[in-house]
Amino acid sequence: IQTLADVRGKRIATTHKEGFAAML
């Protein structure tokens, strides 16, 4: 995982789905 393209298909952790600085 080196670039944005490498994020595709990965597991992403964030606090909540409508967070601003931690999601949107």
PDBML (XML) file of the C-alpha atoms, coordinates in Angstrom:
<?xml version="1.0" encoding="UTF-8" ?>
<PDBx:datablock datablockName="MODEL"
   xmlns:PDBx="http://pdbml.pdb.org/schema/pdbx-v50.xsd"
   xmlns:xsi="http://www.w3.org/2001/XMLSchema-instance"
   xsi:schemaLocation="http://pdbml.pdb.org/schema/pdbx-v50.xsd pdbx-v50.xsd">
   <PDBx:atom_siteCategory>
      <PDBx:atom_site id="1">
         <PDBx:B_iso_or_equiv>0.00</PDBx:B_iso_or_equiv>
         <PDBx:Cartn_x>0.000</PDBx:Cartn_x>
         <PDBx:Cartn_y>0.000</PDBx:Cartn_y>
         <PDBx:Cartn_z>0.000</PDBx:Cartn_z>
         <PDBx:auth_asym_id>A</PDBx:auth_asym_id>
         <PDBx:auth_atom_id>CA</PDBx:auth_atom_id>
         <PDBx:auth_comp_id>ILE</PDBx:auth_comp_id>
         <PDBx:auth_seq_id>1</PDBx:auth_seq_id>
         <PDBx:group_PDB>ATOM</PDBx:group_PDB>
         <PDBx:label_alt_id xsi:nil="true" />
         <PDBx:label_asym_id>A</PDBx:label_asym_id>
         <PDBx:label_atom_id>CA</PDBx:label_atom_id>
         <PDBx:label_comp_id>ILE</PDBx:label_comp_id>
         <PDBx:label_entity_id>1</PDBx:label_entity_id>
         <PDBx:label_seq_id>1</PDBx:label_seq_id>
         <PDBx:occupancy>1.00</PDBx:occupancy>
         <PDBx:pdbx_PDB_model_num>1</PDBx:pdbx_PDB_model_num>
         <PDBx:type_symbol>C</PDBx:type_symbol>
      </PDBx:atom_site>
      <PDBx:atom_site id="2">
         <PDBx:B_iso_or_equiv>0.00</PDBx:B_iso_or_equiv>
         <PDBx:Cartn_x>2.000</PDBx:Cartn_x>
         <PDBx:Cartn_y>2.943</PDBx:Cartn_y>
         <PDBx:Cartn_z>-1.333</PDBx:Cartn_z>
         <PDBx:auth_asym_id>A</PDBx:auth_asym_id>
         <PDBx:auth_atom_id>CA</PDBx:auth_atom_id>
         <PDBx:auth_comp_id>GLN</PDBx:auth_comp_id>
         <PDBx:auth_seq_id>2</PDBx:auth_seq_id>
         <PDBx:group_PDB>ATOM</PDBx:group_PDB>
         <PDBx:label_alt_id xsi:nil="true" />
         <PDBx:label_asym_id>A</PDBx:label_asym_id>
         <PDBx:label_atom_id>CA</PDBx:label_atom_id>
         <PDBx:label_comp_id>GLN</PDBx:label_comp_id>
         <PDBx:label_entity_id>1</PDBx:label_entity_id>
         <PDBx:label_seq_id>2</PDBx:label_seq_id>
         <PDBx:occupancy>1.00</PDBx:occupancy>
         <PDBx:pdbx_PDB_model_num>1</PDBx:pdbx_PDB_model_num>
         <PDBx:type_symbol>C</PDBx:type_symbol>
      </PDBx:atom_site>
      <PDBx:atom_site id="3">
         <PDBx:B_iso_or_equiv>0.00</PDBx:B_iso_or_equiv>
         <PDBx:Cartn_x>-0.422</PDBx:Cartn_x>
         <PDBx:Cartn_y>5.058</PDBx:Cartn_y>
         <PDBx:Cartn_z>-3.380</PDBx:Cartn_z>
         <PDBx:auth_asym_id>A</PDBx:auth_asym_id>
         <PDBx:auth_atom_id>CA</PDBx:auth_atom_id>
         <PDBx:auth_comp_id>THR</PDBx:auth_comp_id>
         <PDBx:auth_seq_id>3</PDBx:auth_seq_id>
         <PDBx:group_PDB>ATOM</PDBx:group_PDB>
         <PDBx:label_alt_id xsi:nil="true" />
         <PDBx:label_asym_id>A</PDBx:label_asym_id>
         <PDBx:label_atom_id>CA</PDBx:label_atom_id>
         <PDBx:label_comp_id>THR</PDBx:label_comp_id>
         <PDBx:label_entity_id>1</PDBx:label_entity_id>
         <PDBx:label_seq_id>3</PDBx:label_seq_id>
         <PDBx:occupancy>1.00</PDBx:occupancy>
         <PDBx:pdbx_PDB_model_num>1</PDBx:pdbx_PDB_model_num>
         <PDBx:type_symbol>C</PDBx:type_symbol>
      </PDBx:atom_site>
      <PDBx:atom_site id="4">
         <PDBx:B_iso_or_equiv>0.00</PDBx:B_iso_or_equiv>
         <PDBx:Cartn_x>-4.118</PDBx:Cartn_x>
         <PDBx:Cartn_y>5.919</PDBx:Cartn_y>
         <PDBx:Cartn_z>-3.540</PDBx:Cartn_z>
         <PDBx:auth_asym_id>A</PDBx:auth_asym_id>
         <PDBx:auth_atom_id>CA</PDBx:auth_atom_id>
         <PDBx:auth_comp_id>LEU</PDBx:auth_comp_id>
         <PDBx:auth_seq_id>4</PDBx:auth_seq_id>
         <PDBx:group_PDB>ATOM</PDBx:group_PDB>
         <PDBx:label_alt_id xsi:nil="true" />
         <PDBx:label_asym_id>A</PDBx:label_asym_id>
         <PDBx:label_atom_id>CA</PDBx:label_atom_id>
         <PDBx:label_comp_id>LEU</PDBx:label_comp_id>
         <PDBx:label_entity_id>1</PDBx:label_entity_id>
         <PDBx:label_seq_id>4</PDBx:label_seq_id>
         <PDBx:occupancy>1.00</PDBx:occupancy>
         <PDBx:pdbx_PDB_model_num>1</PDBx:pdbx_PDB_model_num>
         <PDBx:type_symbol>C</PDBx:type_symbol>
      </PDBx:atom_site>
      <PDBx:atom_site id="5">
         <PDBx:B_iso_or_equiv>0.00</PDBx:B_iso_or_equiv>
         <PDBx:Cartn_x>-4.584</PDBx:Cartn_x>
         <PDBx:Cartn_y>3.266</PDBx:Cartn_y>
         <PDBx:Cartn_z>-6.234</PDBx:Cartn_z>
         <PDBx:auth_asym_id>A</PDBx:auth_asym_id>
         <PDBx:auth_atom_id>CA</PDBx:auth_atom_id>
         <PDBx:auth_comp_id>ALA</PDBx:auth_comp_id>
         <PDBx:auth_seq_id>5</PDBx:auth_seq_id>
         <PDBx:group_PDB>ATOM</PDBx:group_PDB>
         <PDBx:label_alt_id xsi:nil="true" />
         <PDBx:label_asym_id>A</PDBx:label_asym_id>
         <PDBx:label_atom_id>CA</PDBx:label_atom_id>
         <PDBx:label_comp_id>ALA</PDBx:label_comp_id>
         <PDBx:label_entity_id>1</PDBx:label_entity_id>
         <PDBx:label_seq_id>5</PDBx:label_seq_id>
         <PDBx:occupancy>1.00</PDBx:occupancy>
         <PDBx:pdbx_PDB_model_num>1</PDBx:pdbx_PDB_model_num>
         <PDBx:type_symbol>C</PDBx:type_symbol>
      </PDBx:atom_site>
      <PDBx:atom_site id="6">
         <PDBx:B_iso_or_equiv>0.00</PDBx:B_iso_or_equiv>
         <PDBx:Cartn_x>-3.438</PDBx:Cartn_x>
         <PDBx:Cartn_y>0.623</PDBx:Cartn_y>
         <PDBx:Cartn_z>-3.733</PDBx:Cartn_z>
         <PDBx:auth_asym_id>A</PDBx:auth_asym_id>
         <PDBx:auth_atom_id>CA</PDBx:auth_atom_id>
         <PDBx:auth_comp_id>ASP</PDBx:auth_comp_id>
         <PDBx:auth_seq_id>6</PDBx:auth_seq_id>
         <PDBx:group_PDB>ATOM</PDBx:group_PDB>
         <PDBx:label_alt_id xsi:nil="true" />
         <PDBx:label_asym_id>A</PDBx:label_asym_id>
         <PDBx:label_atom_id>CA</PDBx:label_atom_id>
         <PDBx:label_comp_id>ASP</PDBx:label_comp_id>
         <PDBx:label_entity_id>1</PDBx:label_entity_id>
         <PDBx:label_seq_id>6</PDBx:label_seq_id>
         <PDBx:occupancy>1.00</PDBx:occupancy>
         <PDBx:pdbx_PDB_model_num>1</PDBx:pdbx_PDB_model_num>
         <PDBx:type_symbol>C</PDBx:type_symbol>
      </PDBx:atom_site>
      <PDBx:atom_site id="7">
         <PDBx:B_iso_or_equiv>0.00</PDBx:B_iso_or_equiv>
         <PDBx:Cartn_x>-6.366</PDBx:Cartn_x>
         <PDBx:Cartn_y>1.449</PDBx:Cartn_y>
         <PDBx:Cartn_z>-1.439</PDBx:Cartn_z>
         <PDBx:auth_asym_id>A</PDBx:auth_asym_id>
         <PDBx:auth_atom_id>CA</PDBx:auth_atom_id>
         <PDBx:auth_comp_id>VAL</PDBx:auth_comp_id>
         <PDBx:auth_seq_id>7</PDBx:auth_seq_id>
         <PDBx:group_PDB>ATOM</PDBx:group_PDB>
         <PDBx:label_alt_id xsi:nil="true" />
         <PDBx:label_asym_id>A</PDBx:label_asym_id>
         <PDBx:label_atom_id>CA</PDBx:label_atom_id>
         <PDBx:label_comp_id>VAL</PDBx:label_comp_id>
         <PDBx:label_entity_id>1</PDBx:label_entity_id>
         <PDBx:label_seq_id>7</PDBx:label_seq_id>
         <PDBx:occupancy>1.00</PDBx:occupancy>
         <PDBx:pdbx_PDB_model_num>1</PDBx:pdbx_PDB_model_num>
         <PDBx:type_symbol>C</PDBx:type_symbol>
      </PDBx:atom_site>
      <PDBx:atom_site id="8">
         <PDBx:B_iso_or_equiv>0.00</PDBx:B_iso_or_equiv>
         <PDBx:Cartn_x>-8.868</PDBx:Cartn_x>
         <PDBx:Cartn_y>-0.158</PDBx:Cartn_y>
         <PDBx:Cartn_z>-3.830</PDBx:Cartn_z>
         <PDBx:auth_asym_id>A</PDBx:auth_asym_id>
         <PDBx:auth_atom_id>CA</PDBx:auth_atom_id>
         <PDBx:auth_comp_id>ARG</PDBx:auth_comp_id>
         <PDBx:auth_seq_id>8</PDBx:auth_seq_id>
         <PDBx:group_PDB>ATOM</PDBx:group_PDB>
         <PDBx:label_alt_id xsi:nil="true" />
         <PDBx:label_asym_id>A</PDBx:label_asym_id>
         <PDBx:label_atom_id>CA</PDBx:label_atom_id>
         <PDBx:label_comp_id>ARG</PDBx:label_comp_id>
         <PDBx:label_entity_id>1</PDBx:label_entity_id>
         <PDBx:label_seq_id>8</PDBx:label_seq_id>
         <PDBx:occupancy>1.00</PDBx:occupancy>
         <PDBx:pdbx_PDB_model_num>1</PDBx:pdbx_PDB_model_num>
         <PDBx:type_symbol>C</PDBx:type_symbol>
      </PDBx:atom_site>
      <PDBx:atom_site id="9">
         <PDBx:B_iso_or_equiv>0.00</PDBx:B_iso_or_equiv>
         <PDBx:Cartn_x>-10.274</PDBx:Cartn_x>
         <PDBx:Cartn_y>-3.373</PDBx:Cartn_y>
         <PDBx:Cartn_z>-2.364</PDBx:Cartn_z>
         <PDBx:auth_asym_id>A</PDBx:auth_asym_id>
         <PDBx:auth_atom_id>CA</PDBx:auth_atom_id>
         <PDBx:auth_comp_id>GLY</PDBx:auth_comp_id>
         <PDBx:auth_seq_id>9</PDBx:auth_seq_id>
         <PDBx:group_PDB>ATOM</PDBx:group_PDB>
         <PDBx:label_alt_id xsi:nil="true" />
         <PDBx:label_asym_id>A</PDBx:label_asym_id>
         <PDBx:label_atom_id>CA</PDBx:label_atom_id>
         <PDBx:label_comp_id>GLY</PDBx:label_comp_id>
         <PDBx:label_entity_id>1</PDBx:label_entity_id>
         <PDBx:label_seq_id>9</PDBx:label_seq_id>
         <PDBx:occupancy>1.00</PDBx:occupancy>
         <PDBx:pdbx_PDB_model_num>1</PDBx:pdbx_PDB_model_num>
         <PDBx:type_symbol>C</PDBx:type_symbol>
      </PDBx:atom_site>
      <PDBx:atom_site id="10">
         <PDBx:B_iso_or_equiv>0.00</PDBx:B_iso_or_equiv>
         <PDBx:Cartn_x>-8.694</PDBx:Cartn_x>
         <PDBx:Cartn_y>-2.855</PDBx:Cartn_y>
         <PDBx:Cartn_z>1.068</PDBx:Cartn_z>
         <PDBx:auth_asym_id>A</PDBx:auth_asym_id>
         <PDBx:auth_atom_id>CA</PDBx:auth_atom_id>
         <PDBx:auth_comp_id>LYS</PDBx:auth_comp_id>
         <PDBx:auth_seq_id>10</PDBx:auth_seq_id>
         <PDBx:group_PDB>ATOM</PDBx:group_PDB>
         <PDBx:label_alt_id xsi:nil="true" />
         <PDBx:label_asym_id>A</PDBx:label_asym_id>
         <PDBx:label_atom_id>CA</PDBx:label_atom_id>
         <PDBx:label_comp_id>LYS</PDBx:label_comp_id>
         <PDBx:label_entity_id>1</PDBx:label_entity_id>
         <PDBx:label_seq_id>10</PDBx:label_seq_id>
         <PDBx:occupancy>1.00</PDBx:occupancy>
         <PDBx:pdbx_PDB_model_num>1</PDBx:pdbx_PDB_model_num>
         <PDBx:type_symbol>C</PDBx:type_symbol>
      </PDBx:atom_site>
      <PDBx:atom_site id="11">
         <PDBx:B_iso_or_equiv>0.00</PDBx:B_iso_or_equiv>
         <PDBx:Cartn_x>-10.301</PDBx:Cartn_x>
         <PDBx:Cartn_y>-2.769</PDBx:Cartn_y>
         <PDBx:Cartn_z>4.531</PDBx:Cartn_z>
         <PDBx:auth_asym_id>A</PDBx:auth_asym_id>
         <PDBx:auth_atom_id>CA</PDBx:auth_atom_id>
         <PDBx:auth_comp_id>ARG</PDBx:auth_comp_id>
         <PDBx:auth_seq_id>11</PDBx:auth_seq_id>
         <PDBx:group_PDB>ATOM</PDBx:group_PDB>
         <PDBx:label_alt_id xsi:nil="true" />
         <PDBx:label_asym_id>A</PDBx:label_asym_id>
         <PDBx:label_atom_id>CA</PDBx:label_atom_id>
         <PDBx:label_comp_id>ARG</PDBx:label_comp_id>
         <PDBx:label_entity_id>1</PDBx:label_entity_id>
         <PDBx:label_seq_id>11</PDBx:label_seq_id>
         <PDBx:occupancy>1.00</PDBx:occupancy>
         <PDBx:pdbx_PDB_model_num>1</PDBx:pdbx_PDB_model_num>
         <PDBx:type_symbol>C</PDBx:type_symbol>
      </PDBx:atom_site>
      <PDBx:atom_site id="12">
         <PDBx:B_iso_or_equiv>0.00</PDBx:B_iso_or_equiv>
         <PDBx:Cartn_x>-10.713</PDBx:Cartn_x>
         <PDBx:Cartn_y>0.810</PDBx:Cartn_y>
         <PDBx:Cartn_z>5.774</PDBx:Cartn_z>
         <PDBx:auth_asym_id>A</PDBx:auth_asym_id>
         <PDBx:auth_atom_id>CA</PDBx:auth_atom_id>
         <PDBx:auth_comp_id>ILE</PDBx:auth_comp_id>
         <PDBx:auth_seq_id>12</PDBx:auth_seq_id>
         <PDBx:group_PDB>ATOM</PDBx:group_PDB>
         <PDBx:label_alt_id xsi:nil="true" />
         <PDBx:label_asym_id>A</PDBx:label_asym_id>
         <PDBx:label_atom_id>CA</PDBx:label_atom_id>
         <PDBx:label_comp_id>ILE</PDBx:label_comp_id>
         <PDBx:label_entity_id>1</PDBx:label_entity_id>
         <PDBx:label_seq_id>12</PDBx:label_seq_id>
         <PDBx:occupancy>1.00</PDBx:occupancy>
         <PDBx:pdbx_PDB_model_num>1</PDBx:pdbx_PDB_model_num>
         <PDBx:type_symbol>C</PDBx:type_symbol>
      </PDBx:atom_site>
      <PDBx:atom_site id="13">
         <PDBx:B_iso_or_equiv>0.00</PDBx:B_iso_or_equiv>
         <PDBx:Cartn_x>-11.314</PDBx:Cartn_x>
         <PDBx:Cartn_y>1.762</PDBx:Cartn_y>
         <PDBx:Cartn_z>9.412</PDBx:Cartn_z>
         <PDBx:auth_asym_id>A</PDBx:auth_asym_id>
         <PDBx:auth_atom_id>CA</PDBx:auth_atom_id>
         <PDBx:auth_comp_id>ALA</PDBx:auth_comp_id>
         <PDBx:auth_seq_id>13</PDBx:auth_seq_id>
         <PDBx:group_PDB>ATOM</PDBx:group_PDB>
         <PDBx:label_alt_id xsi:nil="true" />
         <PDBx:label_asym_id>A</PDBx:label_asym_id>
         <PDBx:label_atom_id>CA</PDBx:label_atom_id>
         <PDBx:label_comp_id>ALA</PDBx:label_comp_id>
         <PDBx:label_entity_id>1</PDBx:label_entity_id>
         <PDBx:label_seq_id>13</PDBx:label_seq_id>
         <PDBx:occupancy>1.00</PDBx:occupancy>
         <PDBx:pdbx_PDB_model_num>1</PDBx:pdbx_PDB_model_num>
         <PDBx:type_symbol>C</PDBx:type_symbol>
      </PDBx:atom_site>
      <PDBx:atom_site id="14">
         <PDBx:B_iso_or_equiv>0.00</PDBx:B_iso_or_equiv>
         <PDBx:Cartn_x>-12.923</PDBx:Cartn_x>
         <PDBx:Cartn_y>5.064</PDBx:Cartn_y>
         <PDBx:Cartn_z>10.377</PDBx:Cartn_z>
         <PDBx:auth_asym_id>A</PDBx:auth_asym_id>
         <PDBx:auth_atom_id>CA</PDBx:auth_atom_id>
         <PDBx:auth_comp_id>THR</PDBx:auth_comp_id>
         <PDBx:auth_seq_id>14</PDBx:auth_seq_id>
         <PDBx:group_PDB>ATOM</PDBx:group_PDB>
         <PDBx:label_alt_id xsi:nil="true" />
         <PDBx:label_asym_id>A</PDBx:label_asym_id>
         <PDBx:label_atom_id>CA</PDBx:label_atom_id>
         <PDBx:label_comp_id>THR</PDBx:label_comp_id>
         <PDBx:label_entity_id>1</PDBx:label_entity_id>
         <PDBx:label_seq_id>14</PDBx:label_seq_id>
         <PDBx:occupancy>1.00</PDBx:occupancy>
         <PDBx:pdbx_PDB_model_num>1</PDBx:pdbx_PDB_model_num>
         <PDBx:type_symbol>C</PDBx:type_symbol>
      </PDBx:atom_site>
      <PDBx:atom_site id="15">
         <PDBx:B_iso_or_equiv>0.00</PDBx:B_iso_or_equiv>
         <PDBx:Cartn_x>-15.065</PDBx:Cartn_x>
         <PDBx:Cartn_y>6.209</PDBx:Cartn_y>
         <PDBx:Cartn_z>13.283</PDBx:Cartn_z>
         <PDBx:auth_asym_id>A</PDBx:auth_asym_id>
         <PDBx:auth_atom_id>CA</PDBx:auth_atom_id>
         <PDBx:auth_comp_id>THR</PDBx:auth_comp_id>
         <PDBx:auth_seq_id>15</PDBx:auth_seq_id>
         <PDBx:group_PDB>ATOM</PDBx:group_PDB>
         <PDBx:label_alt_id xsi:nil="true" />
         <PDBx:label_asym_id>A</PDBx:label_asym_id>
         <PDBx:label_atom_id>CA</PDBx:label_atom_id>
         <PDBx:label_comp_id>THR</PDBx:label_comp_id>
         <PDBx:label_entity_id>1</PDBx:label_entity_id>
         <PDBx:label_seq_id>15</PDBx:label_seq_id>
         <PDBx:occupancy>1.00</PDBx:occupancy>
         <PDBx:pdbx_PDB_model_num>1</PDBx:pdbx_PDB_model_num>
         <PDBx:type_symbol>C</PDBx:type_symbol>
      </PDBx:atom_site>
      <PDBx:atom_site id="16">
         <PDBx:B_iso_or_equiv>0.00</PDBx:B_iso_or_equiv>
         <PDBx:Cartn_x>-18.372</PDBx:Cartn_x>
         <PDBx:Cartn_y>6.642</PDBx:Cartn_y>
         <PDBx:Cartn_z>11.445</PDBx:Cartn_z>
         <PDBx:auth_asym_id>A</PDBx:auth_asym_id>
         <PDBx:auth_atom_id>CA</PDBx:auth_atom_id>
         <PDBx:auth_comp_id>HIS</PDBx:auth_comp_id>
         <PDBx:auth_seq_id>16</PDBx:auth_seq_id>
         <PDBx:group_PDB>ATOM</PDBx:group_PDB>
         <PDBx:label_alt_id xsi:nil="true" />
         <PDBx:label_asym_id>A</PDBx:label_asym_id>
         <PDBx:label_atom_id>CA</PDBx:label_atom_id>
         <PDBx:label_comp_id>HIS</PDBx:label_comp_id>
         <PDBx:label_entity_id>1</PDBx:label_entity_id>
         <PDBx:label_seq_id>16</PDBx:label_seq_id>
         <PDBx:occupancy>1.00</PDBx:occupancy>
         <PDBx:pdbx_PDB_model_num>1</PDBx:pdbx_PDB_model_num>
         <PDBx:type_symbol>C</PDBx:type_symbol>
      </PDBx:atom_site>
      <PDBx:atom_site id="17">
         <PDBx:B_iso_or_equiv>0.00</PDBx:B_iso_or_equiv>
         <PDBx:Cartn_x>-19.719</PDBx:Cartn_x>
         <PDBx:Cartn_y>6.791</PDBx:Cartn_y>
         <PDBx:Cartn_z>7.913</PDBx:Cartn_z>
         <PDBx:auth_asym_id>A</PDBx:auth_asym_id>
         <PDBx:auth_atom_id>CA</PDBx:auth_atom_id>
         <PDBx:auth_comp_id>LYS</PDBx:auth_comp_id>
         <PDBx:auth_seq_id>17</PDBx:auth_seq_id>
         <PDBx:group_PDB>ATOM</PDBx:group_PDB>
         <PDBx:label_alt_id xsi:nil="true" />
         <PDBx:label_asym_id>A</PDBx:label_asym_id>
         <PDBx:label_atom_id>CA</PDBx:label_atom_id>
         <PDBx:label_comp_id>LYS</PDBx:label_comp_id>
         <PDBx:label_entity_id>1</PDBx:label_entity_id>
         <PDBx:label_seq_id>17</PDBx:label_seq_id>
         <PDBx:occupancy>1.00</PDBx:occupancy>
         <PDBx:pdbx_PDB_model_num>1</PDBx:pdbx_PDB_model_num>
         <PDBx:type_symbol>C</PDBx:type_symbol>
      </PDBx:atom_site>
      <PDBx:atom_site id="18">
         <PDBx:B_iso_or_equiv>0.00</PDBx:B_iso_or_equiv>
         <PDBx:Cartn_x>-20.728</PDBx:Cartn_x>
         <PDBx:Cartn_y>10.462</PDBx:Cartn_y>
         <PDBx:Cartn_z>7.979</PDBx:Cartn_z>
         <PDBx:auth_asym_id>A</PDBx:auth_asym_id>
         <PDBx:auth_atom_id>CA</PDBx:auth_atom_id>
         <PDBx:auth_comp_id>GLU</PDBx:auth_comp_id>
         <PDBx:auth_seq_id>18</PDBx:auth_seq_id>
         <PDBx:group_PDB>ATOM</PDBx:group_PDB>
         <PDBx:label_alt_id xsi:nil="true" />
         <PDBx:label_asym_id>A</PDBx:label_asym_id>
         <PDBx:label_atom_id>CA</PDBx:label_atom_id>
         <PDBx:label_comp_id>GLU</PDBx:label_comp_id>
         <PDBx:label_entity_id>1</PDBx:label_entity_id>
         <PDBx:label_seq_id>18</PDBx:label_seq_id>
         <PDBx:occupancy>1.00</PDBx:occupancy>
         <PDBx:pdbx_PDB_model_num>1</PDBx:pdbx_PDB_model_num>
         <PDBx:type_symbol>C</PDBx:type_symbol>
      </PDBx:atom_site>
      <PDBx:atom_site id="19">
         <PDBx:B_iso_or_equiv>0.00</PDBx:B_iso_or_equiv>
         <PDBx:Cartn_x>-17.635</PDBx:Cartn_x>
         <PDBx:Cartn_y>11.817</PDBx:Cartn_y>
         <PDBx:Cartn_z>9.699</PDBx:Cartn_z>
         <PDBx:auth_asym_id>A</PDBx:auth_asym_id>
         <PDBx:auth_atom_id>CA</PDBx:auth_atom_id>
         <PDBx:auth_comp_id>GLY</PDBx:auth_comp_id>
         <PDBx:auth_seq_id>19</PDBx:auth_seq_id>
         <PDBx:group_PDB>ATOM</PDBx:group_PDB>
         <PDBx:label_alt_id xsi:nil="true" />
         <PDBx:label_asym_id>A</PDBx:label_asym_id>
         <PDBx:label_atom_id>CA</PDBx:label_atom_id>
         <PDBx:label_comp_id>GLY</PDBx:label_comp_id>
         <PDBx:label_entity_id>1</PDBx:label_entity_id>
         <PDBx:label_seq_id>19</PDBx:label_seq_id>
         <PDBx:occupancy>1.00</PDBx:occupancy>
         <PDBx:pdbx_PDB_model_num>1</PDBx:pdbx_PDB_model_num>
         <PDBx:type_symbol>C</PDBx:type_symbol>
      </PDBx:atom_site>
      <PDBx:atom_site id="20">
         <PDBx:B_iso_or_equiv>0.00</PDBx:B_iso_or_equiv>
         <PDBx:Cartn_x>-16.101</PDBx:Cartn_x>
         <PDBx:Cartn_y>14.915</PDBx:Cartn_y>
         <PDBx:Cartn_z>8.147</PDBx:Cartn_z>
         <PDBx:auth_asym_id>A</PDBx:auth_asym_id>
         <PDBx:auth_atom_id>CA</PDBx:auth_atom_id>
         <PDBx:auth_comp_id>PHE</PDBx:auth_comp_id>
         <PDBx:auth_seq_id>20</PDBx:auth_seq_id>
         <PDBx:group_PDB>ATOM</PDBx:group_PDB>
         <PDBx:label_alt_id xsi:nil="true" />
         <PDBx:label_asym_id>A</PDBx:label_asym_id>
         <PDBx:label_atom_id>CA</PDBx:label_atom_id>
         <PDBx:label_comp_id>PHE</PDBx:label_comp_id>
         <PDBx:label_entity_id>1</PDBx:label_entity_id>
         <PDBx:label_seq_id>20</PDBx:label_seq_id>
         <PDBx:occupancy>1.00</PDBx:occupancy>
         <PDBx:pdbx_PDB_model_num>1</PDBx:pdbx_PDB_model_num>
         <PDBx:type_symbol>C</PDBx:type_symbol>
      </PDBx:atom_site>
      <PDBx:atom_site id="21">
         <PDBx:B_iso_or_equiv>0.00</PDBx:B_iso_or_equiv>
         <PDBx:Cartn_x>-12.331</PDBx:Cartn_x>
         <PDBx:Cartn_y>14.893</PDBx:Cartn_y>
         <PDBx:Cartn_z>8.761</PDBx:Cartn_z>
         <PDBx:auth_asym_id>A</PDBx:auth_asym_id>
         <PDBx:auth_atom_id>CA</PDBx:auth_atom_id>
         <PDBx:auth_comp_id>ALA</PDBx:auth_comp_id>
         <PDBx:auth_seq_id>21</PDBx:auth_seq_id>
         <PDBx:group_PDB>ATOM</PDBx:group_PDB>
         <PDBx:label_alt_id xsi:nil="true" />
         <PDBx:label_asym_id>A</PDBx:label_asym_id>
         <PDBx:label_atom_id>CA</PDBx:label_atom_id>
         <PDBx:label_comp_id>ALA</PDBx:label_comp_id>
         <PDBx:label_entity_id>1</PDBx:label_entity_id>
         <PDBx:label_seq_id>21</PDBx:label_seq_id>
         <PDBx:occupancy>1.00</PDBx:occupancy>
         <PDBx:pdbx_PDB_model_num>1</PDBx:pdbx_PDB_model_num>
         <PDBx:type_symbol>C</PDBx:type_symbol>
      </PDBx:atom_site>
      <PDBx:atom_site id="22">
         <PDBx:B_iso_or_equiv>0.00</PDBx:B_iso_or_equiv>
         <PDBx:Cartn_x>-12.382</PDBx:Cartn_x>
         <PDBx:Cartn_y>11.133</PDBx:Cartn_y>
         <PDBx:Cartn_z>9.344</PDBx:Cartn_z>
         <PDBx:auth_asym_id>A</PDBx:auth_asym_id>
         <PDBx:auth_atom_id>CA</PDBx:auth_atom_id>
         <PDBx:auth_comp_id>ALA</PDBx:auth_comp_id>
         <PDBx:auth_seq_id>22</PDBx:auth_seq_id>
         <PDBx:group_PDB>ATOM</PDBx:group_PDB>
         <PDBx:label_alt_id xsi:nil="true" />
         <PDBx:label_asym_id>A</PDBx:label_asym_id>
         <PDBx:label_atom_id>CA</PDBx:label_atom_id>
         <PDBx:label_comp_id>ALA</PDBx:label_comp_id>
         <PDBx:label_entity_id>1</PDBx:label_entity_id>
         <PDBx:label_seq_id>22</PDBx:label_seq_id>
         <PDBx:occupancy>1.00</PDBx:occupancy>
         <PDBx:pdbx_PDB_model_num>1</PDBx:pdbx_PDB_model_num>
         <PDBx:type_symbol>C</PDBx:type_symbol>
      </PDBx:atom_site>
      <PDBx:atom_site id="23">
         <PDBx:B_iso_or_equiv>0.00</PDBx:B_iso_or_equiv>
         <PDBx:Cartn_x>-14.472</PDBx:Cartn_x>
         <PDBx:Cartn_y>10.125</PDBx:Cartn_y>
         <PDBx:Cartn_z>6.317</PDBx:Cartn_z>
         <PDBx:auth_asym_id>A</PDBx:auth_asym_id>
         <PDBx:auth_atom_id>CA</PDBx:auth_atom_id>
         <PDBx:auth_comp_id>MET</PDBx:auth_comp_id>
         <PDBx:auth_seq_id>23</PDBx:auth_seq_id>
         <PDBx:group_PDB>ATOM</PDBx:group_PDB>
         <PDBx:label_alt_id xsi:nil="true" />
         <PDBx:label_asym_id>A</PDBx:label_asym_id>
         <PDBx:label_atom_id>CA</PDBx:label_atom_id>
         <PDBx:label_comp_id>MET</PDBx:label_comp_id>
         <PDBx:label_entity_id>1</PDBx:label_entity_id>
         <PDBx:label_seq_id>23</PDBx:label_seq_id>
         <PDBx:occupancy>1.00</PDBx:occupancy>
         <PDBx:pdbx_PDB_model_num>1</PDBx:pdbx_PDB_model_num>
         <PDBx:type_symbol>C</PDBx:type_symbol>
      </PDBx:atom_site>
      <PDBx:atom_site id="24">
         <PDBx:B_iso_or_equiv>0.00</PDBx:B_iso_or_equiv>
         <PDBx:Cartn_x>-15.786</PDBx:Cartn_x>
         <PDBx:Cartn_y>12.683</PDBx:Cartn_y>
         <PDBx:Cartn_z>3.825</PDBx:Cartn_z>
         <PDBx:auth_asym_id>A</PDBx:auth_asym_id>
         <PDBx:auth_atom_id>CA</PDBx:auth_atom_id>
         <PDBx:auth_comp_id>LEU</PDBx:auth_comp_id>
         <PDBx:auth_seq_id>24</PDBx:auth_seq_id>
         <PDBx:group_PDB>ATOM</PDBx:group_PDB>
         <PDBx:label_alt_id xsi:nil="true" />
         <PDBx:label_asym_id>A</PDBx:label_asym_id>
         <PDBx:label_atom_id>CA</PDBx:label_atom_id>
         <PDBx:label_comp_id>LEU</PDBx:label_comp_id>
         <PDBx:label_entity_id>1</PDBx:label_entity_id>
         <PDBx:label_seq_id>24</PDBx:label_seq_id>
         <PDBx:occupancy>1.00</PDBx:occupancy>
         <PDBx:pdbx_PDB_model_num>1</PDBx:pdbx_PDB_model_num>
         <PDBx:type_symbol>C</PDBx:type_symbol>
      </PDBx:atom_site>
   </PDBx:atom_siteCategory>
</PDBx:datablock>
